[in-house]
Amino acid sequence: MYGVPDPRSGDRVMAALEFADPAAFDGPAFAEFLSAQPDLGRKDFPRLLRISANLPVTGSNKILKNQLRAESWHTTDSIYQCPGRTAPDYQPMSDTQKTELDAEFAAFDRQRFL
């Protein structure tokens, strides 16, 4: 998990998950798993998920979080979003939704954070 900018203020929590077959990711099952964690508060659910077959790593196979933060939702990997703040409900994020999210940064004069 790592922070990415929010268009209105602060950051959003984003998580990256690696799957041999990213198409096999089951958003509702993952949401159910998170909801069953007694030590995870609702505000700690990742708002965005990056699902990848090959996350960026160093030569010693450590995840490059700085690269993940920099790319945020600007990647060819699948991005899922959880629009609400109550129970997680992960839905695939379309290119149009990514563009709309970017436009929110401009609307709130926060494009410098992208």
PDB file of N, CA and C in Angstrom:
ATOM      1  N   MET A   1       0.855  -1.171   0.000  1.00  0.00           N
ATOM      2  CA  MET A   1       0.000   0.000   0.000  1.00  0.00           C
ATOM      3  C   MET A   1       0.899   1.232   0.000  1.00  0.00           C
ATOM      4  N   TYR A   2       0.382   2.268  -0.654  1.00  0.00           N
ATOM      5  CA  TYR A   2       1.134   3.502  -0.785  1.00  0.00           C
ATOM      6  C   TYR A   2       0.144   4.631  -1.068  1.00  0.00           C
ATOM      7  N   GLY A   3       0.595   5.844  -0.874  1.00  0.00           N
ATOM      8  CA  GLY A   3      -0.268   6.990  -1.099  1.00  0.00           C
ATOM      9  C   GLY A   3      -0.118   7.552  -2.493  1.00  0.00           C
ATOM     10  N   VAL A   4      -1.239   7.966  -3.069  1.00  0.00           N
ATOM     11  CA  VAL A   4      -1.252   8.710  -4.334  1.00  0.00           C
ATOM     12  C   VAL A   4      -2.087   9.967  -4.081  1.00  0.00           C
ATOM     13  N   PRO A   5      -1.861  11.032  -4.844  1.00  0.00           N
ATOM     14  CA  PRO A   5      -2.587  12.275  -4.580  1.00  0.00           C
ATOM     15  C   PRO A   5      -4.098  12.144  -4.752  1.00  0.00           C
ATOM     16  N   ASP A   6      -4.798  12.924  -3.960  1.00  0.00           N
ATOM     17  CA  ASP A   6      -6.251  13.041  -4.069  1.00  0.00           C
ATOM     18  C   ASP A   6      -6.534  14.372  -4.765  1.00  0.00           C
ATOM     19  N   PRO A   7      -7.539  14.447  -5.621  1.00  0.00           N
ATOM     20  CA  PRO A   7      -7.778  15.698  -6.348  1.00  0.00           C
ATOM     21  C   PRO A   7      -8.255  16.852  -5.471  1.00  0.00           C
ATOM     22  N   ARG A   8      -8.745  16.565  -4.295  1.00  0.00           N
ATOM     23  CA  ARG A   8      -9.266  17.640  -3.440  1.00  0.00           C
ATOM     24  C   ARG A   8      -8.331  17.994  -2.299  1.00  0.00           C
ATOM     25  N   SER A   9      -7.756  16.985  -1.643  1.00  0.00           N
ATOM     26  CA  SER A   9      -6.810  17.258  -0.555  1.00  0.00           C
ATOM     27  C   SER A   9      -6.121  15.963  -0.143  1.00  0.00           C
ATOM     28  N   GLY A  10      -4.887  16.092   0.279  1.00  0.00           N
ATOM     29  CA  GLY A  10      -4.163  14.946   0.820  1.00  0.00           C
ATOM     30  C   GLY A  10      -3.903  13.836  -0.183  1.00  0.00           C
ATOM     31  N   ASP A  11      -3.990  12.620   0.323  1.00  0.00           N
ATOM     32  CA  ASP A  11      -3.688  11.438  -0.470  1.00  0.00           C
ATOM     33  C   ASP A  11      -4.808  10.420  -0.370  1.00  0.00           C
ATOM     34  N   ARG A  12      -4.783   9.491  -1.306  1.00  0.00           N
ATOM     35  CA  ARG A  12      -5.635   8.302  -1.277  1.00  0.00           C
ATOM     36  C   ARG A  12      -4.730   7.100  -1.078  1.00  0.00           C
ATOM     37  N   VAL A  13      -5.259   6.073  -0.438  1.00  0.00           N
ATOM     38  CA  VAL A  13      -4.508   4.834  -0.297  1.00  0.00           C
ATOM     39  C   VAL A  13      -4.699   4.015  -1.571  1.00  0.00           C
ATOM     40  N   MET A  14      -3.585   3.555  -2.121  1.00  0.00           N
ATOM     41  CA  MET A  14      -3.607   2.686  -3.301  1.00  0.00           C
ATOM     42  C   MET A  14      -2.801   1.445  -2.961  1.00  0.00           C
ATOM     43  N   ALA A  15      -3.178   0.327  -3.513  1.00  0.00           N
ATOM     44  CA  ALA A  15      -2.453  -0.922  -3.310  1.00  0.00           C
ATOM     45  C   ALA A  15      -2.156  -1.539  -4.665  1.00  0.00           C
ATOM     46  N   ALA A  16      -1.058  -2.260  -4.728  1.00  0.00           N
ATOM     47  CA  ALA A  16      -0.691  -2.973  -5.951  1.00  0.00           C
ATOM     48  C   ALA A  16      -0.649  -4.458  -5.630  1.00  0.00           C
ATOM     49  N   LEU A  17      -1.286  -5.245  -6.478  1.00  0.00           N
ATOM     50  CA  LEU A  17      -1.327  -6.693  -6.313  1.00  0.00           C
ATOM     51  C   LEU A  17      -0.815  -7.341  -7.589  1.00  0.00           C
ATOM     52  N   GLU A  18       0.003  -8.368  -7.413  1.00  0.00           N
ATOM     53  CA  GLU A  18       0.531  -9.070  -8.578  1.00  0.00           C
ATOM     54  C   GLU A  18      -0.129 -10.430  -8.691  1.00  0.00           C
ATOM     55  N   PHE A  19      -0.623 -10.713  -9.892  1.00  0.00           N
ATOM     56  CA  PHE A  19      -1.283 -11.983 -10.202  1.00  0.00           C
ATOM     57  C   PHE A  19      -0.632 -12.562 -11.451  1.00  0.00           C
ATOM     58  N   ALA A  20      -0.467 -13.867 -11.486  1.00  0.00           N
ATOM     59  CA  ALA A  20       0.027 -14.502 -12.708  1.00  0.00           C
ATOM     60  C   ALA A  20      -0.935 -14.215 -13.853  1.00  0.00           C
ATOM     61  N   ASP A  21      -2.228 -14.197 -13.538  1.00  0.00           N
ATOM     62  CA  ASP A  21      -3.259 -13.873 -14.524  1.00  0.00           C
ATOM     63  C   ASP A  21      -4.117 -12.737 -13.961  1.00  0.00           C
ATOM     64  N   PRO A  22      -3.779 -11.477 -14.273  1.00  0.00           N
ATOM     65  CA  PRO A  22      -4.545 -10.354 -13.726  1.00  0.00           C
ATOM     66  C   PRO A  22      -6.038 -10.412 -14.036  1.00  0.00           C
ATOM     67  N   ALA A  23      -6.417 -11.063 -15.136  1.00  0.00           N
ATOM     68  CA  ALA A  23      -7.835 -11.176 -15.479  1.00  0.00           C
ATOM     69  C   ALA A  23      -8.599 -12.018 -14.460  1.00  0.00           C
ATOM     70  N   ALA A  24      -7.875 -12.793 -13.660  1.00  0.00           N
ATOM     71  CA  ALA A  24      -8.512 -13.642 -12.649  1.00  0.00           C
ATOM     72  C   ALA A  24      -8.852 -12.878 -11.369  1.00  0.00           C
ATOM     73  N   PHE A  25      -8.447 -11.610 -11.277  1.00  0.00           N
ATOM     74  CA  PHE A  25      -8.739 -10.826 -10.077  1.00  0.00           C
ATOM     75  C   PHE A  25     -10.246 -10.705  -9.896  1.00  0.00           C
ATOM     76  N   ASP A  26     -10.698 -10.942  -8.676  1.00  0.00           N
ATOM     77  CA  ASP A  26     -12.120 -10.897  -8.334  1.00  0.00           C
ATOM     78  C   ASP A  26     -12.334  -9.762  -7.326  1.00  0.00           C
ATOM     79  N   GLY A  27     -12.786  -8.609  -7.829  1.00  0.00           N
ATOM     80  CA  GLY A  27     -12.997  -7.446  -6.979  1.00  0.00           C
ATOM     81  C   GLY A  27     -13.908  -7.700  -5.791  1.00  0.00           C
ATOM     82  N   PRO A  28     -15.090  -8.310  -5.991  1.00  0.00           N
ATOM     83  CA  PRO A  28     -15.979  -8.570  -4.860  1.00  0.00           C
ATOM     84  C   PRO A  28     -15.354  -9.512  -3.815  1.00  0.00           C
ATOM     85  N   ALA A  29     -14.620 -10.525  -4.249  1.00  0.00           N
ATOM     86  CA  ALA A  29     -13.978 -11.438  -3.299  1.00  0.00           C
ATOM     87  C   ALA A  29     -12.900 -10.707  -2.502  1.00  0.00           C
ATOM     88  N   PHE A  30     -12.156  -9.818  -3.162  1.00  0.00           N
ATOM     89  CA  PHE A  30     -11.134  -9.056  -2.450  1.00  0.00           C
ATOM     90  C   PHE A  30     -11.788  -8.108  -1.444  1.00  0.00           C
ATOM     91  N   ALA A  31     -12.882  -7.477  -1.835  1.00  0.00           N
ATOM     92  CA  ALA A  31     -13.621  -6.599  -0.926  1.00  0.00           C
ATOM     93  C   ALA A  31     -14.121  -7.377   0.286  1.00  0.00           C
ATOM     94  N   GLU A  32     -14.610  -8.581   0.052  1.00  0.00           N
ATOM     95  CA  GLU A  32     -15.083  -9.431   1.153  1.00  0.00           C
ATOM     96  C   GLU A  32     -13.925  -9.787   2.087  1.00  0.00           C
ATOM     97  N   PHE A  33     -12.767 -10.103   1.514  1.00  0.00           N
ATOM     98  CA  PHE A  33     -11.581 -10.403   2.312  1.00  0.00           C
ATOM     99  C   PHE A  33     -11.218  -9.208   3.198  1.00  0.00           C
ATOM    100  N   LEU A  34     -11.187  -8.005   2.612  1.00  0.00           N
ATOM    101  CA  LEU A  34     -10.842  -6.817   3.401  1.00  0.00           C
ATOM    102  C   LEU A  34     -11.853  -6.573   4.511  1.00  0.00           C
ATOM    103  N   SER A  35     -13.119  -6.724   4.207  1.00  0.00           N
ATOM    104  CA  SER A  35     -14.171  -6.490   5.198  1.00  0.00           C
ATOM    105  C   SER A  35     -14.074  -7.456   6.369  1.00  0.00           C
ATOM    106  N   ALA A  36     -13.507  -8.632   6.148  1.00  0.00           N
ATOM    107  CA  ALA A  36     -13.394  -9.639   7.204  1.00  0.00           C
ATOM    108  C   ALA A  36     -12.189  -9.409   8.116  1.00  0.00           C
ATOM    109  N   GLN A  37     -11.353  -8.412   7.810  1.00  0.00           N
ATOM    110  CA  GLN A  37     -10.166  -8.152   8.627  1.00  0.00           C
ATOM    111  C   GLN A  37     -10.539  -7.271   9.816  1.00  0.00           C
ATOM    112  N   PRO A  38     -10.506  -7.823  11.041  1.00  0.00           N
ATOM    113  CA  PRO A  38     -10.953  -7.045  12.197  1.00  0.00           C
ATOM    114  C   PRO A  38     -10.031  -5.871  12.539  1.00  0.00           C
ATOM    115  N   ASP A  39      -8.783  -5.919  12.103  1.00  0.00           N
ATOM    116  CA  ASP A  39      -7.837  -4.864  12.446  1.00  0.00           C
ATOM    117  C   ASP A  39      -7.694  -3.803  11.352  1.00  0.00           C
ATOM    118  N   LEU A  40      -8.562  -3.849  10.361  1.00  0.00           N
ATOM    119  CA  LEU A  40      -8.501  -2.904   9.253  1.00  0.00           C
ATOM    120  C   LEU A  40      -9.752  -2.041   9.272  1.00  0.00           C
ATOM    121  N   GLY A  41      -9.574  -0.761   9.567  1.00  0.00           N
ATOM    122  CA  GLY A  41     -10.704   0.159   9.600  1.00  0.00           C
ATOM    123  C   GLY A  41     -11.163   0.525   8.202  1.00  0.00           C
ATOM    124  N   ARG A  42     -12.387   0.980   8.073  1.00  0.00           N
ATOM    125  CA  ARG A  42     -12.962   1.335   6.774  1.00  0.00           C
ATOM    126  C   ARG A  42     -12.119   2.394   6.044  1.00  0.00           C
ATOM    127  N   LYS A  43     -11.558   3.344   6.803  1.00  0.00           N
ATOM    128  CA  LYS A  43     -10.765   4.383   6.147  1.00  0.00           C
ATOM    129  C   LYS A  43      -9.427   3.853   5.638  1.00  0.00           C
ATOM    130  N   ASP A  44      -9.051   2.651   6.053  1.00  0.00           N
ATOM    131  CA  ASP A  44      -7.788   2.057   5.621  1.00  0.00           C
ATOM    132  C   ASP A  44      -7.923   1.217   4.352  1.00  0.00           C
ATOM    133  N   PHE A  45      -9.137   0.999   3.872  1.00  0.00           N
ATOM    134  CA  PHE A  45      -9.306   0.253   2.626  1.00  0.00           C
ATOM    135  C   PHE A  45      -8.661   1.046   1.502  1.00  0.00           C
ATOM    136  N   PRO A  46      -7.895   0.387   0.635  1.00  0.00           N
ATOM    137  CA  PRO A  46      -7.362   1.120  -0.512  1.00  0.00           C
ATOM    138  C   PRO A  46      -8.494   1.600  -1.414  1.00  0.00           C
ATOM    139  N   ARG A  47      -8.426   2.851  -1.812  1.00  0.00           N
ATOM    140  CA  ARG A  47      -9.443   3.403  -2.719  1.00  0.00           C
ATOM    141  C   ARG A  47      -9.172   2.980  -4.153  1.00  0.00           C
ATOM    142  N   LEU A  48      -7.888   2.703  -4.455  1.00  0.00           N
ATOM    143  CA  LEU A  48      -7.487   2.300  -5.800  1.00  0.00           C
ATOM    144  C   LEU A  48      -6.628   1.044  -5.709  1.00  0.00           C
ATOM    145  N   LEU A  49      -6.786   0.168  -6.678  1.00  0.00           N
ATOM    146  CA  LEU A  49      -5.975  -1.050  -6.766  1.00  0.00           C
ATOM    147  C   LEU A  49      -5.332  -1.122  -8.143  1.00  0.00           C
ATOM    148  N   ARG A  50      -4.065  -1.487  -8.149  1.00  0.00           N
ATOM    149  CA  ARG A  50      -3.367  -1.755  -9.409  1.00  0.00           C
ATOM    150  C   ARG A  50      -3.144  -3.252  -9.476  1.00  0.00           C
ATOM    151  N   ILE A  51      -3.662  -3.884 -10.503  1.00  0.00           N
ATOM    152  CA  ILE A  51      -3.545  -5.331 -10.678  1.00  0.00           C
ATOM    153  C   ILE A  51      -2.594  -5.581 -11.845  1.00  0.00           C
ATOM    154  N   SER A  52      -1.511  -6.285 -11.569  1.00  0.00           N
ATOM    155  CA  SER A  52      -0.454  -6.434 -12.566  1.00  0.00           C
ATOM    156  C   SER A  52       0.084  -7.857 -12.598  1.00  0.00           C
ATOM    157  N   ALA A  53       0.618  -8.235 -13.743  1.00  0.00           N
ATOM    158  CA  ALA A  53       1.337  -9.501 -13.861  1.00  0.00           C
ATOM    159  C   ALA A  53       2.805  -9.310 -13.519  1.00  0.00           C
ATOM    160  N   ASN A  54       3.285  -8.075 -13.624  1.00  0.00           N
ATOM    161  CA  ASN A  54       4.700  -7.780 -13.379  1.00  0.00           C
ATOM    162  C   ASN A  54       4.858  -6.398 -12.769  1.00  0.00           C
ATOM    163  N   LEU A  55       4.856  -6.326 -11.457  1.00  0.00           N
ATOM    164  CA  LEU A  55       5.092  -5.045 -10.809  1.00  0.00           C
ATOM    165  C   LEU A  55       6.559  -4.670 -10.975  1.00  0.00           C
ATOM    166  N   PRO A  56       6.859  -3.365 -11.008  1.00  0.00           N
ATOM    167  CA  PRO A  56       8.256  -2.949 -11.153  1.00  0.00           C
ATOM    168  C   PRO A  56       9.069  -3.294  -9.903  1.00  0.00           C
ATOM    169  N   VAL A  57      10.232  -3.892 -10.121  1.00  0.00           N
ATOM    170  CA  VAL A  57      11.081  -4.312  -9.005  1.00  0.00           C
ATOM    171  C   VAL A  57      12.536  -3.903  -9.247  1.00  0.00           C
ATOM    172  N   THR A  58      13.295  -3.891  -8.163  1.00  0.00           N
ATOM    173  CA  THR A  58      14.730  -3.635  -8.235  1.00  0.00           C
ATOM    174  C   THR A  58      15.436  -4.917  -8.645  1.00  0.00           C
ATOM    175  N   GLY A  59      16.755  -4.839  -8.794  1.00  0.00           N
ATOM    176  CA  GLY A  59      17.547  -6.021  -9.120  1.00  0.00           C
ATOM    177  C   GLY A  59      17.478  -7.091  -8.047  1.00  0.00           C
ATOM    178  N   SER A  60      17.187  -6.670  -6.801  1.00  0.00           N
ATOM    179  CA  SER A  60      17.067  -7.635  -5.708  1.00  0.00           C
ATOM    180  C   SER A  60      15.608  -8.008  -5.435  1.00  0.00           C
ATOM    181  N   ASN A  61      14.732  -7.724  -6.402  1.00  0.00           N
ATOM    182  CA  ASN A  61      13.331  -8.128  -6.374  1.00  0.00           C
ATOM    183  C   ASN A  61      12.485  -7.422  -5.306  1.00  0.00           C
ATOM    184  N   LYS A  62      12.833  -6.182  -4.997  1.00  0.00           N
ATOM    185  CA  LYS A  62      12.018  -5.383  -4.088  1.00  0.00           C
ATOM    186  C   LYS A  62      11.128  -4.465  -4.927  1.00  0.00           C
ATOM    187  N   ILE A  63       9.898  -4.304  -4.494  1.00  0.00           N
ATOM    188  CA  ILE A  63       8.932  -3.469  -5.220  1.00  0.00           C
ATOM    189  C   ILE A  63       9.409  -2.011  -5.233  1.00  0.00           C
ATOM    190  N   LEU A  64       9.323  -1.399  -6.395  1.00  0.00           N
ATOM    191  CA  LEU A  64       9.696   0.009  -6.557  1.00  0.00           C
ATOM    192  C   LEU A  64       8.485   0.894  -6.238  1.00  0.00           C
ATOM    193  N   LYS A  65       8.293   1.183  -4.954  1.00  0.00           N
ATOM    194  CA  LYS A  65       7.122   1.965  -4.547  1.00  0.00           C
ATOM    195  C   LYS A  65       7.146   3.373  -5.119  1.00  0.00           C
ATOM    196  N   ASN A  66       8.331   3.961  -5.253  1.00  0.00           N
ATOM    197  CA  ASN A  66       8.389   5.311  -5.824  1.00  0.00           C
ATOM    198  C   ASN A  66       7.852   5.315  -7.250  1.00  0.00           C
ATOM    199  N   GLN A  67       8.152   4.278  -8.006  1.00  0.00           N
ATOM    200  CA  GLN A  67       7.632   4.188  -9.373  1.00  0.00           C
ATOM    201  C   GLN A  67       6.125   3.975  -9.357  1.00  0.00           C
ATOM    202  N   LEU A  68       5.640   3.134  -8.426  1.00  0.00           N
ATOM    203  CA  LEU A  68       4.194   2.914  -8.312  1.00  0.00           C
ATOM    204  C   LEU A  68       3.483   4.221  -7.987  1.00  0.00           C
ATOM    205  N   ARG A  69       4.045   4.991  -7.030  1.00  0.00           N
ATOM    206  CA  ARG A  69       3.441   6.280  -6.674  1.00  0.00           C
ATOM    207  C   ARG A  69       3.421   7.220  -7.878  1.00  0.00           C
ATOM    208  N   ALA A  70       4.546   7.278  -8.590  1.00  0.00           N
ATOM    209  CA  ALA A  70       4.659   8.193  -9.733  1.00  0.00           C
ATOM    210  C   ALA A  70       3.679   7.823 -10.843  1.00  0.00           C
ATOM    211  N   GLU A  71       3.502   6.539 -11.090  1.00  0.00           N
ATOM    212  CA  GLU A  71       2.592   6.110 -12.154  1.00  0.00           C
ATOM    213  C   GLU A  71       1.131   6.189 -11.731  1.00  0.00           C
ATOM    214  N   SER A  72       0.870   6.021 -10.450  1.00  0.00           N
ATOM    215  CA  SER A  72      -0.490   6.007  -9.889  1.00  0.00           C
ATOM    216  C   SER A  72      -1.440   5.242 -10.804  1.00  0.00           C
ATOM    217  N   TRP A  73      -2.462   5.887 -11.348  1.00  0.00           N
ATOM    218  CA  TRP A  73      -3.426   5.211 -12.231  1.00  0.00           C
ATOM    219  C   TRP A  73      -3.061   5.413 -13.703  1.00  0.00           C
ATOM    220  N   HIS A  74      -1.914   6.035 -13.968  1.00  0.00           N
ATOM    221  CA  HIS A  74      -1.443   6.259 -15.342  1.00  0.00           C
ATOM    222  C   HIS A  74      -0.562   5.087 -15.765  1.00  0.00           C
ATOM    223  N   THR A  75      -1.158   3.964 -15.995  1.00  0.00           N
ATOM    224  CA  THR A  75      -0.450   2.739 -16.326  1.00  0.00           C
ATOM    225  C   THR A  75      -1.317   1.887 -17.250  1.00  0.00           C
ATOM    226  N   THR A  76      -0.684   0.940 -17.907  1.00  0.00           N
ATOM    227  CA  THR A  76      -1.449   0.008 -18.737  1.00  0.00           C
ATOM    228  C   THR A  76      -1.996  -1.154 -17.910  1.00  0.00           C
ATOM    229  N   ASP A  77      -1.544  -1.286 -16.659  1.00  0.00           N
ATOM    230  CA  ASP A  77      -2.100  -2.314 -15.775  1.00  0.00           C
ATOM    231  C   ASP A  77      -3.554  -1.979 -15.460  1.00  0.00           C
ATOM    232  N   SER A  78      -4.314  -2.977 -15.067  1.00  0.00           N
ATOM    233  CA  SER A  78      -5.713  -2.758 -14.682  1.00  0.00           C
ATOM    234  C   SER A  78      -5.771  -1.981 -13.374  1.00  0.00           C
ATOM    235  N   ILE A  79      -6.644  -0.982 -13.344  1.00  0.00           N
ATOM    236  CA  ILE A  79      -6.872  -0.194 -12.136  1.00  0.00           C
ATOM    237  C   ILE A  79      -8.322  -0.394 -11.726  1.00  0.00           C
ATOM    238  N   TYR A  80      -8.508  -0.660 -10.440  1.00  0.00           N
ATOM    239  CA  TYR A  80      -9.849  -0.785  -9.873  1.00  0.00           C
ATOM    240  C   TYR A  80     -10.014   0.343  -8.870  1.00  0.00           C
ATOM    241  N   GLN A  81     -11.233   0.831  -8.764  1.00  0.00           N
ATOM    242  CA  GLN A  81     -11.504   1.881  -7.790  1.00  0.00           C
ATOM    243  C   GLN A  81     -12.660   1.493  -6.890  1.00  0.00           C
ATOM    244  N   CYS A  82     -12.616   2.049  -5.726  1.00  0.00           N
ATOM    245  CA  CYS A  82     -13.690   1.882  -4.749  1.00  0.00           C
ATOM    246  C   CYS A  82     -14.250   3.283  -4.519  1.00  0.00           C
ATOM    247  N   PRO A  83     -15.334   3.627  -5.196  1.00  0.00           N
ATOM    248  CA  PRO A  83     -15.816   5.002  -5.140  1.00  0.00           C
ATOM    249  C   PRO A  83     -16.360   5.435  -3.780  1.00  0.00           C
ATOM    250  N   GLY A  84     -16.912   4.526  -3.015  1.00  0.00           N
ATOM    251  CA  GLY A  84     -17.488   4.898  -1.726  1.00  0.00           C
ATOM    252  C   GLY A  84     -16.504   4.790  -0.578  1.00  0.00           C
ATOM    253  N   ARG A  85     -16.920   5.255   0.579  1.00  0.00           N
ATOM    254  CA  ARG A  85     -16.068   5.179   1.764  1.00  0.00           C
ATOM    255  C   ARG A  85     -16.609   4.185   2.785  1.00  0.00           C
ATOM    256  N   THR A  86     -17.655   3.475   2.439  1.00  0.00           N
ATOM    257  CA  THR A  86     -18.208   2.497   3.378  1.00  0.00           C
ATOM    258  C   THR A  86     -17.632   1.135   3.035  1.00  0.00           C
ATOM    259  N   ALA A  87     -18.447   0.169   2.734  1.00  0.00           N
ATOM    260  CA  ALA A  87     -17.949  -1.158   2.373  1.00  0.00           C
ATOM    261  C   ALA A  87     -17.259  -1.089   1.015  1.00  0.00           C
ATOM    262  N   PRO A  88     -16.129  -1.768   0.870  1.00  0.00           N
ATOM    263  CA  PRO A  88     -15.430  -1.705  -0.419  1.00  0.00           C
ATOM    264  C   PRO A  88     -16.236  -2.353  -1.537  1.00  0.00           C
ATOM    265  N   ASP A  89     -16.149  -1.754  -2.694  1.00  0.00           N
ATOM    266  CA  ASP A  89     -16.830  -2.255  -3.890  1.00  0.00           C
ATOM    267  C   ASP A  89     -15.917  -1.924  -5.070  1.00  0.00           C
ATOM    268  N   TYR A  90     -14.997  -2.805  -5.381  1.00  0.00           N
ATOM    269  CA  TYR A  90     -13.987  -2.539  -6.404  1.00  0.00           C
ATOM    270  C   TYR A  90     -14.524  -2.802  -7.800  1.00  0.00           C
ATOM    271  N   GLN A  91     -14.444  -1.764  -8.623  1.00  0.00           N
ATOM    272  CA  GLN A  91     -14.901  -1.828 -10.004  1.00  0.00           C
ATOM    273  C   GLN A  91     -13.753  -1.410 -10.909  1.00  0.00           C
ATOM    274  N   PRO A  92     -13.636  -2.019 -12.093  1.00  0.00           N
ATOM    275  CA  PRO A  92     -12.588  -1.596 -13.025  1.00  0.00           C
ATOM    276  C   PRO A  92     -12.739  -0.115 -13.374  1.00  0.00           C
ATOM    277  N   MET A  93     -11.624   0.569 -13.480  1.00  0.00           N
ATOM    278  CA  MET A  93     -11.612   1.988 -13.813  1.00  0.00           C
ATOM    279  C   MET A  93     -11.370   2.131 -15.319  1.00  0.00           C
ATOM    280  N   SER A  94     -12.281   2.787 -16.006  1.00  0.00           N
ATOM    281  CA  SER A  94     -12.156   2.974 -17.450  1.00  0.00           C
ATOM    282  C   SER A  94     -11.193   4.127 -17.750  1.00  0.00           C
ATOM    283  N   ASP A  95     -10.762   4.205 -18.995  1.00  0.00           N
ATOM    284  CA  ASP A  95      -9.913   5.321 -19.419  1.00  0.00           C
ATOM    285  C   ASP A  95     -10.644   6.645 -19.242  1.00  0.00           C
ATOM    286  N   THR A  96     -11.940   6.649 -19.487  1.00  0.00           N
ATOM    287  CA  THR A  96     -12.736   7.863 -19.297  1.00  0.00           C
ATOM    288  C   THR A  96     -12.731   8.279 -17.831  1.00  0.00           C
ATOM    289  N   GLN A  97     -12.869   7.329 -16.931  1.00  0.00           N
ATOM    290  CA  GLN A  97     -12.853   7.641 -15.501  1.00  0.00           C
ATOM    291  C   GLN A  97     -11.483   8.156 -15.062  1.00  0.00           C
ATOM    292  N   LYS A  98     -10.414   7.620 -15.642  1.00  0.00           N
ATOM    293  CA  LYS A  98      -9.067   8.116 -15.338  1.00  0.00           C
ATOM    294  C   LYS A  98      -8.926   9.568 -15.792  1.00  0.00           C
ATOM    295  N   THR A  99      -9.435   9.860 -16.979  1.00  0.00           N
ATOM    296  CA  THR A  99      -9.387  11.230 -17.510  1.00  0.00           C
ATOM    297  C   THR A  99     -10.209  12.165 -16.634  1.00  0.00           C
ATOM    298  N   GLU A 100     -11.369  11.708 -16.194  1.00  0.00           N
ATOM    299  CA  GLU A 100     -12.216  12.524 -15.317  1.00  0.00           C
ATOM    300  C   GLU A 100     -11.529  12.785 -13.979  1.00  0.00           C
ATOM    301  N   LEU A 101     -10.836  11.782 -13.457  1.00  0.00           N
ATOM    302  CA  LEU A 101     -10.108  11.971 -12.201  1.00  0.00           C
ATOM    303  C   LEU A 101      -9.006  13.006 -12.392  1.00  0.00           C
ATOM    304  N   ASP A 102      -8.281  12.932 -13.495  1.00  0.00           N
ATOM    305  CA  ASP A 102      -7.255  13.933 -13.790  1.00  0.00           C
ATOM    306  C   ASP A 102      -7.867  15.324 -13.886  1.00  0.00           C
ATOM    307  N   ALA A 103      -9.048  15.422 -14.491  1.00  0.00           N
ATOM    308  CA  ALA A 103      -9.722  16.720 -14.645  1.00  0.00           C
ATOM    309  C   ALA A 103     -10.110  17.307 -13.288  1.00  0.00           C
ATOM    310  N   GLU A 104     -10.413  16.444 -12.322  1.00  0.00           N
ATOM    311  CA  GLU A 104     -10.724  16.934 -10.971  1.00  0.00           C
ATOM    312  C   GLU A 104      -9.539  17.677 -10.380  1.00  0.00           C
ATOM    313  N   PHE A 105      -8.324  17.211 -10.667  1.00  0.00           N
ATOM    314  CA  PHE A 105      -7.134  17.899 -10.162  1.00  0.00           C
ATOM    315  C   PHE A 105      -7.080  19.326 -10.701  1.00  0.00           C
ATOM    316  N   ALA A 106      -7.387  19.492 -11.972  1.00  0.00           N
ATOM    317  CA  ALA A 106      -7.394  20.825 -12.566  1.00  0.00           C
ATOM    318  C   ALA A 106      -8.503  21.675 -11.952  1.00  0.00           C
ATOM    319  N   ALA A 107      -9.669  21.087 -11.739  1.00  0.00           N
ATOM    320  CA  ALA A 107     -10.801  21.826 -11.181  1.00  0.00           C
ATOM    321  C   ALA A 107     -10.505  22.354  -9.775  1.00  0.00           C
ATOM    322  N   PHE A 108      -9.684  21.631  -9.025  1.00  0.00           N
ATOM    323  CA  PHE A 108      -9.357  22.049  -7.658  1.00  0.00           C
ATOM    324  C   PHE A 108      -7.941  22.616  -7.562  1.00  0.00           C
ATOM    325  N   ASP A 109      -7.373  22.990  -8.711  1.00  0.00           N
ATOM    326  CA  ASP A 109      -6.040  23.599  -8.793  1.00  0.00           C
ATOM    327  C   ASP A 109      -4.978  22.757  -8.071  1.00  0.00           C
ATOM    328  N   ARG A 110      -5.010  21.440  -8.325  1.00  0.00           N
ATOM    329  CA  ARG A 110      -4.041  20.533  -7.693  1.00  0.00           C
ATOM    330  C   ARG A 110      -3.280  19.704  -8.738  1.00  0.00           C
ATOM    331  N   GLN A 111      -3.287  20.141 -10.003  1.00  0.00           N
ATOM    332  CA  GLN A 111      -2.621  19.356 -11.038  1.00  0.00           C
ATOM    333  C   GLN A 111      -1.125  19.238 -10.810  1.00  0.00           C
ATOM    334  N   ARG A 112      -0.539  20.111  -9.993  1.00  0.00           N
ATOM    335  CA  ARG A 112       0.900  20.009  -9.689  1.00  0.00           C
ATOM    336  C   ARG A 112       1.230  18.727  -8.937  1.00  0.00           C
ATOM    337  N   PHE A 113       0.213  18.066  -8.371  1.00  0.00           N
ATOM    338  CA  PHE A 113       0.446  16.832  -7.620  1.00  0.00           C
ATOM    339  C   PHE A 113       0.426  15.583  -8.511  1.00  0.00           C
ATOM    340  N   LEU A 114       0.038  15.734  -9.765  1.00  0.00           N
ATOM    341  CA  LEU A 114       0.003  14.590 -10.664  1.00  0.00           C
ATOM    342  C   LEU A 114       1.389  14.251 -11.162  1.00  0.00           C
TER     343      LEU A 114
END
